[in-house]
Amino acid sequence: GGFQMKYHLGGALTIKATDITTAVGDNV
């Protein structure tokens, strides 16, 4: 239980599918 991950389906966050690469690189 020390490493928890929260999974969000497409559209659940204010991040476009085309911006996922950038969101990961920026640590968003």
mmCIF file of all heavy atoms, coordinates in Angstrom:
data_MODEL
# 
_entry.id   MODEL 
# 
loop_
_atom_site.group_PDB 
_atom_site.id 
_atom_site.type_symbol 
_atom_site.label_atom_id 
_atom_site.label_alt_id 
_atom_site.label_comp_id 
_atom_site.label_asym_id 
_atom_site.label_entity_id 
_atom_site.label_seq_id 
_atom_site.pdbx_PDB_ins_code 
_atom_site.Cartn_x 
_atom_site.Cartn_y 
_atom_site.Cartn_z 
_atom_site.occupancy 
_atom_site.B_iso_or_equiv 
_atom_site.pdbx_formal_charge 
_atom_site.auth_seq_id 
_atom_site.auth_comp_id 
_atom_site.auth_asym_id 
_atom_site.auth_atom_id 
_atom_site.pdbx_PDB_model_num 
ATOM 1   N N   . GLY A 1 1  ? 0.791   -1.224 0.000   1.00 0.00 ? 1  GLY A N   1 
ATOM 2   C CA  . GLY A 1 1  ? 0.000   0.000  0.000   1.00 0.00 ? 1  GLY A CA  1 
ATOM 3   C C   . GLY A 1 1  ? 0.822   1.272  0.000   1.00 0.00 ? 1  GLY A C   1 
ATOM 4   O O   . GLY A 1 1  ? 0.267   2.376  0.041   1.00 0.00 ? 1  GLY A O   1 
ATOM 5   N N   . GLY A 1 2  ? 2.149   1.130  -0.082  1.00 0.00 ? 2  GLY A N   1 
ATOM 6   C CA  . GLY A 1 2  ? 2.997   2.321  -0.039  1.00 0.00 ? 2  GLY A CA  1 
ATOM 7   C C   . GLY A 1 2  ? 3.018   3.115  -1.324  1.00 0.00 ? 2  GLY A C   1 
ATOM 8   O O   . GLY A 1 2  ? 3.319   4.309  -1.330  1.00 0.00 ? 2  GLY A O   1 
ATOM 9   N N   . PHE A 1 3  ? 2.705   2.444  -2.444  1.00 0.00 ? 3  PHE A N   1 
ATOM 10  C CA  . PHE A 1 3  ? 2.706   3.117  -3.746  1.00 0.00 ? 3  PHE A CA  1 
ATOM 11  C C   . PHE A 1 3  ? 1.283   3.041  -4.300  1.00 0.00 ? 3  PHE A C   1 
ATOM 12  O O   . PHE A 1 3  ? 0.819   1.996  -4.742  1.00 0.00 ? 3  PHE A O   1 
ATOM 13  C CB  . PHE A 1 3  ? 3.689   2.412  -4.684  1.00 0.00 ? 3  PHE A CB  1 
ATOM 14  C CG  . PHE A 1 3  ? 3.979   3.176  -5.968  1.00 0.00 ? 3  PHE A CG  1 
ATOM 15  C CD1 . PHE A 1 3  ? 4.903   2.675  -6.878  1.00 0.00 ? 3  PHE A CD1 1 
ATOM 16  C CD2 . PHE A 1 3  ? 3.350   4.371  -6.282  1.00 0.00 ? 3  PHE A CD2 1 
ATOM 17  C CE1 . PHE A 1 3  ? 5.192   3.338  -8.058  1.00 0.00 ? 3  PHE A CE1 1 
ATOM 18  C CE2 . PHE A 1 3  ? 3.620   5.048  -7.452  1.00 0.00 ? 3  PHE A CE2 1 
ATOM 19  C CZ  . PHE A 1 3  ? 4.545   4.531  -8.341  1.00 0.00 ? 3  PHE A CZ  1 
ATOM 20  N N   . GLN A 1 4  ? 0.599   4.170  -4.267  1.00 0.00 ? 4  GLN A N   1 
ATOM 21  C CA  . GLN A 1 4  ? -0.783  4.253  -4.727  1.00 0.00 ? 4  GLN A CA  1 
ATOM 22  C C   . GLN A 1 4  ? -0.860  5.027  -6.041  1.00 0.00 ? 4  GLN A C   1 
ATOM 23  O O   . GLN A 1 4  ? -0.163  6.024  -6.225  1.00 0.00 ? 4  GLN A O   1 
ATOM 24  C CB  . GLN A 1 4  ? -1.660  4.936  -3.681  1.00 0.00 ? 4  GLN A CB  1 
ATOM 25  C CG  . GLN A 1 4  ? -1.757  4.186  -2.357  1.00 0.00 ? 4  GLN A CG  1 
ATOM 26  C CD  . GLN A 1 4  ? -2.530  2.889  -2.505  1.00 0.00 ? 4  GLN A CD  1 
ATOM 27  O OE1 . GLN A 1 4  ? -3.518  2.805  -3.225  1.00 0.00 ? 4  GLN A OE1 1 
ATOM 28  N NE2 . GLN A 1 4  ? -2.072  1.847  -1.796  1.00 0.00 ? 4  GLN A NE2 1 
ATOM 29  N N   . MET A 1 5  ? -1.720  4.547  -6.945  1.00 0.00 ? 5  MET A N   1 
ATOM 30  C CA  . MET A 1 5  ? -1.913  5.243  -8.219  1.00 0.00 ? 5  MET A CA  1 
ATOM 31  C C   . MET A 1 5  ? -3.399  5.486  -8.462  1.00 0.00 ? 5  MET A C   1 
ATOM 32  O O   . MET A 1 5  ? -4.216  4.581  -8.263  1.00 0.00 ? 5  MET A O   1 
ATOM 33  C CB  . MET A 1 5  ? -1.305  4.422  -9.372  1.00 0.00 ? 5  MET A CB  1 
ATOM 34  C CG  . MET A 1 5  ? 0.208   4.375  -9.347  1.00 0.00 ? 5  MET A CG  1 
ATOM 35  S SD  . MET A 1 5  ? 0.911   3.333  -10.657 1.00 0.00 ? 5  MET A SD  1 
ATOM 36  C CE  . MET A 1 5  ? 0.710   1.708  -9.929  1.00 0.00 ? 5  MET A CE  1 
ATOM 37  N N   . LYS A 1 6  ? -3.706  6.696  -8.877  1.00 0.00 ? 6  LYS A N   1 
ATOM 38  C CA  . LYS A 1 6  ? -5.091  7.071  -9.169  1.00 0.00 ? 6  LYS A CA  1 
ATOM 39  C C   . LYS A 1 6  ? -5.268  7.147  -10.685 1.00 0.00 ? 6  LYS A C   1 
ATOM 40  O O   . LYS A 1 6  ? -4.593  7.923  -11.355 1.00 0.00 ? 6  LYS A O   1 
ATOM 41  C CB  . LYS A 1 6  ? -5.417  8.420  -8.522  1.00 0.00 ? 6  LYS A CB  1 
ATOM 42  C CG  . LYS A 1 6  ? -5.330  8.395  -6.995  1.00 0.00 ? 6  LYS A CG  1 
ATOM 43  C CD  . LYS A 1 6  ? -5.624  9.764  -6.400  1.00 0.00 ? 6  LYS A CD  1 
ATOM 44  C CE  . LYS A 1 6  ? -5.530  9.726  -4.872  1.00 0.00 ? 6  LYS A CE  1 
ATOM 45  N NZ  . LYS A 1 6  ? -5.791  11.068 -4.269  1.00 0.00 ? 6  LYS A NZ  1 
ATOM 46  N N   . TYR A 1 7  ? -6.189  6.341  -11.192 1.00 0.00 ? 7  TYR A N   1 
ATOM 47  C CA  . TYR A 1 7  ? -6.399  6.211  -12.640 1.00 0.00 ? 7  TYR A CA  1 
ATOM 48  C C   . TYR A 1 7  ? -7.603  7.036  -13.082 1.00 0.00 ? 7  TYR A C   1 
ATOM 49  O O   . TYR A 1 7  ? -8.689  6.948  -12.503 1.00 0.00 ? 7  TYR A O   1 
ATOM 50  C CB  . TYR A 1 7  ? -6.628  4.736  -12.960 1.00 0.00 ? 7  TYR A CB  1 
ATOM 51  C CG  . TYR A 1 7  ? -6.820  4.415  -14.426 1.00 0.00 ? 7  TYR A CG  1 
ATOM 52  C CD1 . TYR A 1 7  ? -5.731  4.376  -15.297 1.00 0.00 ? 7  TYR A CD1 1 
ATOM 53  C CD2 . TYR A 1 7  ? -8.083  4.115  -14.926 1.00 0.00 ? 7  TYR A CD2 1 
ATOM 54  C CE1 . TYR A 1 7  ? -5.909  4.051  -16.634 1.00 0.00 ? 7  TYR A CE1 1 
ATOM 55  C CE2 . TYR A 1 7  ? -8.263  3.787  -16.264 1.00 0.00 ? 7  TYR A CE2 1 
ATOM 56  C CZ  . TYR A 1 7  ? -7.171  3.759  -17.112 1.00 0.00 ? 7  TYR A CZ  1 
ATOM 57  O OH  . TYR A 1 7  ? -7.334  3.443  -18.438 1.00 0.00 ? 7  TYR A OH  1 
ATOM 58  N N   . HIS A 1 8  ? -7.412  7.839  -14.129 1.00 0.00 ? 8  HIS A N   1 
ATOM 59  C CA  . HIS A 1 8  ? -8.482  8.693  -14.640 1.00 0.00 ? 8  HIS A CA  1 
ATOM 60  C C   . HIS A 1 8  ? -8.733  8.385  -16.115 1.00 0.00 ? 8  HIS A C   1 
ATOM 61  O O   . HIS A 1 8  ? -7.805  8.410  -16.932 1.00 0.00 ? 8  HIS A O   1 
ATOM 62  C CB  . HIS A 1 8  ? -8.115  10.167 -14.496 1.00 0.00 ? 8  HIS A CB  1 
ATOM 63  C CG  . HIS A 1 8  ? -7.892  10.595 -13.070 1.00 0.00 ? 8  HIS A CG  1 
ATOM 64  N ND1 . HIS A 1 8  ? -8.919  11.010 -12.250 1.00 0.00 ? 8  HIS A ND1 1 
ATOM 65  C CD2 . HIS A 1 8  ? -6.760  10.648 -12.320 1.00 0.00 ? 8  HIS A CD2 1 
ATOM 66  C CE1 . HIS A 1 8  ? -8.437  11.321 -11.052 1.00 0.00 ? 8  HIS A CE1 1 
ATOM 67  N NE2 . HIS A 1 8  ? -7.121  11.105 -11.075 1.00 0.00 ? 8  HIS A NE2 1 
ATOM 68  N N   . LEU A 1 9  ? -9.981  8.107  -16.468 1.00 0.00 ? 9  LEU A N   1 
ATOM 69  C CA  . LEU A 1 9  ? -10.363 7.842  -17.850 1.00 0.00 ? 9  LEU A CA  1 
ATOM 70  C C   . LEU A 1 9  ? -10.305 9.119  -18.678 1.00 0.00 ? 9  LEU A C   1 
ATOM 71  O O   . LEU A 1 9  ? -10.349 10.238 -18.128 1.00 0.00 ? 9  LEU A O   1 
ATOM 72  C CB  . LEU A 1 9  ? -11.776 7.268  -17.906 1.00 0.00 ? 9  LEU A CB  1 
ATOM 73  C CG  . LEU A 1 9  ? -11.963 5.846  -17.356 1.00 0.00 ? 9  LEU A CG  1 
ATOM 74  C CD1 . LEU A 1 9  ? -13.438 5.525  -17.226 1.00 0.00 ? 9  LEU A CD1 1 
ATOM 75  C CD2 . LEU A 1 9  ? -11.274 4.828  -18.269 1.00 0.00 ? 9  LEU A CD2 1 
ATOM 76  N N   . GLY A 1 10 ? -10.238 8.968  -19.997 1.00 0.00 ? 10 GLY A N   1 
ATOM 77  C CA  . GLY A 1 10 ? -10.201 10.115 -20.884 1.00 0.00 ? 10 GLY A CA  1 
ATOM 78  C C   . GLY A 1 10 ? -11.396 11.028 -20.668 1.00 0.00 ? 10 GLY A C   1 
ATOM 79  O O   . GLY A 1 10 ? -12.532 10.568 -20.582 1.00 0.00 ? 10 GLY A O   1 
ATOM 80  N N   . GLY A 1 11 ? -11.130 12.320 -20.520 1.00 0.00 ? 11 GLY A N   1 
ATOM 81  C CA  . GLY A 1 11 ? -12.182 13.302 -20.299 1.00 0.00 ? 11 GLY A CA  1 
ATOM 82  C C   . GLY A 1 11 ? -12.414 13.627 -18.835 1.00 0.00 ? 11 GLY A C   1 
ATOM 83  O O   . GLY A 1 11 ? -13.088 14.611 -18.508 1.00 0.00 ? 11 GLY A O   1 
ATOM 84  N N   . ALA A 1 12 ? -11.860 12.808 -17.936 1.00 0.00 ? 12 ALA A N   1 
ATOM 85  C CA  . ALA A 1 12 ? -12.071 13.032 -16.507 1.00 0.00 ? 12 ALA A CA  1 
ATOM 86  C C   . ALA A 1 12 ? -11.220 14.186 -15.973 1.00 0.00 ? 12 ALA A C   1 
ATOM 87  O O   . ALA A 1 12 ? -11.558 14.796 -14.959 1.00 0.00 ? 12 ALA A O   1 
ATOM 88  C CB  . ALA A 1 12 ? -11.769 11.762 -15.719 1.00 0.00 ? 12 ALA A CB  1 
ATOM 89  N N   . LEU A 1 13 ? -10.106 14.480 -16.637 1.00 0.00 ? 13 LEU A N   1 
ATOM 90  C CA  . LEU A 1 13 ? -9.252  15.604 -16.271 1.00 0.00 ? 13 LEU A CA  1 
ATOM 91  C C   . LEU A 1 13 ? -9.290  16.644 -17.392 1.00 0.00 ? 13 LEU A C   1 
ATOM 92  O O   . LEU A 1 13 ? -9.633  16.332 -18.526 1.00 0.00 ? 13 LEU A O   1 
ATOM 93  C CB  . LEU A 1 13 ? -7.804  15.140 -16.042 1.00 0.00 ? 13 LEU A CB  1 
ATOM 94  C CG  . LEU A 1 13 ? -7.573  14.076 -14.961 1.00 0.00 ? 13 LEU A CG  1 
ATOM 95  C CD1 . LEU A 1 13 ? -6.085  13.738 -14.886 1.00 0.00 ? 13 LEU A CD1 1 
ATOM 96  C CD2 . LEU A 1 13 ? -8.091  14.556 -13.619 1.00 0.00 ? 13 LEU A CD2 1 
ATOM 97  N N   . THR A 1 14 ? -8.910  17.863 -17.063 1.00 0.00 ? 14 THR A N   1 
ATOM 98  C CA  . THR A 1 14 ? -8.919  18.928 -18.068 1.00 0.00 ? 14 THR A CA  1 
ATOM 99  C C   . THR A 1 14 ? -7.644  18.899 -18.901 1.00 0.00 ? 14 THR A C   1 
ATOM 100 O O   . THR A 1 14 ? -6.940  19.906 -19.047 1.00 0.00 ? 14 THR A O   1 
ATOM 101 C CB  . THR A 1 14 ? -9.071  20.303 -17.395 1.00 0.00 ? 14 THR A CB  1 
ATOM 102 O OG1 . THR A 1 14 ? -8.031  20.457 -16.420 1.00 0.00 ? 14 THR A OG1 1 
ATOM 103 C CG2 . THR A 1 14 ? -10.416 20.444 -16.737 1.00 0.00 ? 14 THR A CG2 1 
ATOM 104 N N   . ILE A 1 15 ? -7.355  17.735 -19.430 1.00 0.00 ? 15 ILE A N   1 
ATOM 105 C CA  . ILE A 1 15 ? -6.187  17.538 -20.292 1.00 0.00 ? 15 ILE A CA  1 
ATOM 106 C C   . ILE A 1 15 ? -6.670  16.840 -21.554 1.00 0.00 ? 15 ILE A C   1 
ATOM 107 O O   . ILE A 1 15 ? -7.291  15.786 -21.499 1.00 0.00 ? 15 ILE A O   1 
ATOM 108 C CB  . ILE A 1 15 ? -5.121  16.652 -19.605 1.00 0.00 ? 15 ILE A CB  1 
ATOM 109 C CG1 . ILE A 1 15 ? -4.636  17.289 -18.304 1.00 0.00 ? 15 ILE A CG1 1 
ATOM 110 C CG2 . ILE A 1 15 ? -3.936  16.415 -20.552 1.00 0.00 ? 15 ILE A CG2 1 
ATOM 111 C CD1 . ILE A 1 15 ? -3.728  16.384 -17.480 1.00 0.00 ? 15 ILE A CD1 1 
ATOM 112 N N   . LYS A 1 16 ? -6.409  17.432 -22.702 1.00 0.00 ? 16 LYS A N   1 
ATOM 113 C CA  . LYS A 1 16 ? -6.810  16.820 -23.959 1.00 0.00 ? 16 LYS A CA  1 
ATOM 114 C C   . LYS A 1 16 ? -5.957  15.584 -24.224 1.00 0.00 ? 16 LYS A C   1 
ATOM 115 O O   . LYS A 1 16 ? -4.808  15.495 -23.789 1.00 0.00 ? 16 LYS A O   1 
ATOM 116 C CB  . LYS A 1 16 ? -6.644  17.810 -25.109 1.00 0.00 ? 16 LYS A CB  1 
ATOM 117 C CG  . LYS A 1 16 ? -7.560  19.015 -25.052 1.00 0.00 ? 16 LYS A CG  1 
ATOM 118 C CD  . LYS A 1 16 ? -7.316  19.938 -26.230 1.00 0.00 ? 16 LYS A CD  1 
ATOM 119 C CE  . LYS A 1 16 ? -8.229  21.150 -26.186 1.00 0.00 ? 16 LYS A CE  1 
ATOM 120 N NZ  . LYS A 1 16 ? -7.965  22.070 -27.337 1.00 0.00 ? 16 LYS A NZ  1 
ATOM 121 N N   . ALA A 1 17 ? -6.527  14.653 -24.974 1.00 0.00 ? 17 ALA A N   1 
ATOM 122 C CA  . ALA A 1 17 ? -5.784  13.437 -25.315 1.00 0.00 ? 17 ALA A CA  1 
ATOM 123 C C   . ALA A 1 17 ? -4.487  13.772 -26.031 1.00 0.00 ? 17 ALA A C   1 
ATOM 124 O O   . ALA A 1 17 ? -3.463  13.105 -25.838 1.00 0.00 ? 17 ALA A O   1 
ATOM 125 C CB  . ALA A 1 17 ? -6.649  12.524 -26.182 1.00 0.00 ? 17 ALA A CB  1 
ATOM 126 N N   . THR A 1 18 ? -4.508  14.823 -26.847 1.00 0.00 ? 18 THR A N   1 
ATOM 127 C CA  . THR A 1 18 ? -3.316  15.231 -27.599 1.00 0.00 ? 18 THR A CA  1 
ATOM 128 C C   . THR A 1 18 ? -2.276  15.917 -26.721 1.00 0.00 ? 18 THR A C   1 
ATOM 129 O O   . THR A 1 18 ? -1.169  16.184 -27.182 1.00 0.00 ? 18 THR A O   1 
ATOM 130 C CB  . THR A 1 18 ? -3.719  16.174 -28.750 1.00 0.00 ? 18 THR A CB  1 
ATOM 131 O OG1 . THR A 1 18 ? -4.527  17.240 -28.224 1.00 0.00 ? 18 THR A OG1 1 
ATOM 132 C CG2 . THR A 1 18 ? -4.512  15.429 -29.816 1.00 0.00 ? 18 THR A CG2 1 
ATOM 133 N N   . ASP A 1 19 ? -2.626  16.201 -25.463 1.00 0.00 ? 19 ASP A N   1 
ATOM 134 C CA  . ASP A 1 19 ? -1.694  16.873 -24.551 1.00 0.00 ? 19 ASP A CA  1 
ATOM 135 C C   . ASP A 1 19 ? -1.120  15.939 -23.488 1.00 0.00 ? 19 ASP A C   1 
ATOM 136 O O   . ASP A 1 19 ? -0.396  16.387 -22.597 1.00 0.00 ? 19 ASP A O   1 
ATOM 137 C CB  . ASP A 1 19 ? -2.387  18.048 -23.847 1.00 0.00 ? 19 ASP A CB  1 
ATOM 138 C CG  . ASP A 1 19 ? -2.613  19.225 -24.772 1.00 0.00 ? 19 ASP A CG  1 
ATOM 139 O OD1 . ASP A 1 19 ? -1.863  19.355 -25.754 1.00 0.00 ? 19 ASP A OD1 1 
ATOM 140 O OD2 . ASP A 1 19 ? -3.545  20.008 -24.519 1.00 0.00 ? 19 ASP A OD2 1 
ATOM 141 N N   . ILE A 1 20 ? -1.425  14.662 -23.572 1.00 0.00 ? 20 ILE A N   1 
ATOM 142 C CA  . ILE A 1 20 ? -0.945  13.731 -22.552 1.00 0.00 ? 20 ILE A CA  1 
ATOM 143 C C   . ILE A 1 20 ? 0.580   13.664 -22.525 1.00 0.00 ? 20 ILE A C   1 
ATOM 144 O O   . ILE A 1 20 ? 1.197   13.633 -21.454 1.00 0.00 ? 20 ILE A O   1 
ATOM 145 C CB  . ILE A 1 20 ? -1.555  12.326 -22.758 1.00 0.00 ? 20 ILE A CB  1 
ATOM 146 C CG1 . ILE A 1 20 ? -3.045  12.363 -22.382 1.00 0.00 ? 20 ILE A CG1 1 
ATOM 147 C CG2 . ILE A 1 20 ? -0.820  11.280 -21.923 1.00 0.00 ? 20 ILE A CG2 1 
ATOM 148 C CD1 . ILE A 1 20 ? -3.780  11.054 -22.604 1.00 0.00 ? 20 ILE A CD1 1 
ATOM 149 N N   . THR A 1 21 ? 1.218   13.670 -23.688 1.00 0.00 ? 21 THR A N   1 
ATOM 150 C CA  . THR A 1 21 ? 2.689   13.646 -23.741 1.00 0.00 ? 21 THR A CA  1 
ATOM 151 C C   . THR A 1 21 ? 3.269   14.804 -22.935 1.00 0.00 ? 21 THR A C   1 
ATOM 152 O O   . THR A 1 21 ? 4.186   14.625 -22.124 1.00 0.00 ? 21 THR A O   1 
ATOM 153 C CB  . THR A 1 21 ? 3.185   13.762 -25.196 1.00 0.00 ? 21 THR A CB  1 
ATOM 154 O OG1 . THR A 1 21 ? 2.506   12.822 -26.012 1.00 0.00 ? 21 THR A OG1 1 
ATOM 155 C CG2 . THR A 1 21 ? 4.681   13.507 -25.277 1.00 0.00 ? 21 THR A CG2 1 
ATOM 156 N N   . THR A 1 22 ? 2.738   15.989 -23.167 1.00 0.00 ? 22 THR A N   1 
ATOM 157 C CA  . THR A 1 22 ? 3.217   17.189 -22.477 1.00 0.00 ? 22 THR A CA  1 
ATOM 158 C C   . THR A 1 22 ? 2.924   17.128 -20.986 1.00 0.00 ? 22 THR A C   1 
ATOM 159 O O   . THR A 1 22 ? 3.764   17.517 -20.156 1.00 0.00 ? 22 THR A O   1 
ATOM 160 C CB  . THR A 1 22 ? 2.551   18.441 -23.074 1.00 0.00 ? 22 THR A CB  1 
ATOM 161 O OG1 . THR A 1 22 ? 2.810   18.484 -24.474 1.00 0.00 ? 22 THR A OG1 1 
ATOM 162 C CG2 . THR A 1 22 ? 3.094   19.705 -22.426 1.00 0.00 ? 22 THR A CG2 1 
ATOM 163 N N   . ALA A 1 23 ? 1.738   16.628 -20.625 1.00 0.00 ? 23 ALA A N   1 
ATOM 164 C CA  . ALA A 1 23 ? 1.352   16.552 -19.217 1.00 0.00 ? 23 ALA A CA  1 
ATOM 165 C C   . ALA A 1 23 ? 2.278   15.635 -18.434 1.00 0.00 ? 23 ALA A C   1 
ATOM 166 O O   . ALA A 1 23 ? 2.621   15.918 -17.283 1.00 0.00 ? 23 ALA A O   1 
ATOM 167 C CB  . ALA A 1 23 ? -0.093  16.064 -19.101 1.00 0.00 ? 23 ALA A CB  1 
ATOM 168 N N   . VAL A 1 24 ? 2.706   14.545 -19.045 1.00 0.00 ? 24 VAL A N   1 
ATOM 169 C CA  . VAL A 1 24 ? 3.651   13.633 -18.385 1.00 0.00 ? 24 VAL A CA  1 
ATOM 170 C C   . VAL A 1 24 ? 5.013   14.304 -18.250 1.00 0.00 ? 24 VAL A C   1 
ATOM 171 O O   . VAL A 1 24 ? 5.621   14.296 -17.181 1.00 0.00 ? 24 VAL A O   1 
ATOM 172 C CB  . VAL A 1 24 ? 3.797   12.307 -19.158 1.00 0.00 ? 24 VAL A CB  1 
ATOM 173 C CG1 . VAL A 1 24 ? 4.879   11.434 -18.510 1.00 0.00 ? 24 VAL A CG1 1 
ATOM 174 C CG2 . VAL A 1 24 ? 2.479   11.554 -19.187 1.00 0.00 ? 24 VAL A CG2 1 
ATOM 175 N N   . GLY A 1 25 ? 5.490   14.898 -19.327 1.00 0.00 ? 25 GLY A N   1 
ATOM 176 C CA  . GLY A 1 25 ? 6.799   15.545 -19.301 1.00 0.00 ? 25 GLY A CA  1 
ATOM 177 C C   . GLY A 1 25 ? 6.886   16.679 -18.301 1.00 0.00 ? 25 GLY A C   1 
ATOM 178 O O   . GLY A 1 25 ? 7.945   16.918 -17.711 1.00 0.00 ? 25 GLY A O   1 
ATOM 179 N N   . ASP A 1 26 ? 5.758   17.373 -18.069 1.00 0.00 ? 26 ASP A N   1 
ATOM 180 C CA  . ASP A 1 26 ? 5.720   18.482 -17.109 1.00 0.00 ? 26 ASP A CA  1 
ATOM 181 C C   . ASP A 1 26 ? 5.381   18.030 -15.695 1.00 0.00 ? 26 ASP A C   1 
ATOM 182 O O   . ASP A 1 26 ? 5.264   18.856 -14.787 1.00 0.00 ? 26 ASP A O   1 
ATOM 183 C CB  . ASP A 1 26 ? 4.688   19.527 -17.552 1.00 0.00 ? 26 ASP A CB  1 
ATOM 184 C CG  . ASP A 1 26 ? 5.116   20.274 -18.808 1.00 0.00 ? 26 ASP A CG  1 
ATOM 185 O OD1 . ASP A 1 26 ? 6.314   20.219 -19.153 1.00 0.00 ? 26 ASP A OD1 1 
ATOM 186 O OD2 . ASP A 1 26 ? 4.249   20.914 -19.446 1.00 0.00 ? 26 ASP A OD2 1 
ATOM 187 N N   . ASN A 1 27 ? 5.181   16.727 -15.513 1.00 0.00 ? 27 ASN A N   1 
ATOM 188 C CA  . ASN A 1 27 ? 4.842   16.156 -14.211 1.00 0.00 ? 27 ASN A CA  1 
ATOM 189 C C   . ASN A 1 27 ? 3.482   16.613 -13.691 1.00 0.00 ? 27 ASN A C   1 
ATOM 190 O O   . ASN A 1 27 ? 3.221   16.614 -12.490 1.00 0.00 ? 27 ASN A O   1 
ATOM 191 C CB  . ASN A 1 27 ? 5.916   16.452 -13.160 1.00 0.00 ? 27 ASN A CB  1 
ATOM 192 C CG  . ASN A 1 27 ? 5.901   15.424 -12.024 1.00 0.00 ? 27 ASN A CG  1 
ATOM 193 O OD1 . ASN A 1 27 ? 5.492   14.285 -12.222 1.00 0.00 ? 27 ASN A OD1 1 
ATOM 194 N ND2 . ASN A 1 27 ? 6.346   15.835 -10.857 1.00 0.00 ? 27 ASN A ND2 1 
ATOM 195 N N   . VAL A 1 28 ? 2.615   17.018 -14.589 1.00 0.00 ? 28 VAL A N   1 
ATOM 196 C CA  . VAL A 1 28 ? 1.236   17.304 -14.218 1.00 0.00 ? 28 VAL A CA  1 
ATOM 197 C C   . VAL A 1 28 ? 0.551   15.984 -13.869 1.00 0.00 ? 28 VAL A C   1 
ATOM 198 O O   . VAL A 1 28 ? -0.264  15.897 -12.960 1.00 0.00 ? 28 VAL A O   1 
ATOM 199 C CB  . VAL A 1 28 ? 0.487   18.010 -15.375 1.00 0.00 ? 28 VAL A CB  1 
ATOM 200 C CG1 . VAL A 1 28 ? -0.996  18.169 -15.068 1.00 0.00 ? 28 VAL A CG1 1 
ATOM 201 C CG2 . VAL A 1 28 ? 1.122   19.372 -15.646 1.00 0.00 ? 28 VAL A CG2 1 
# 
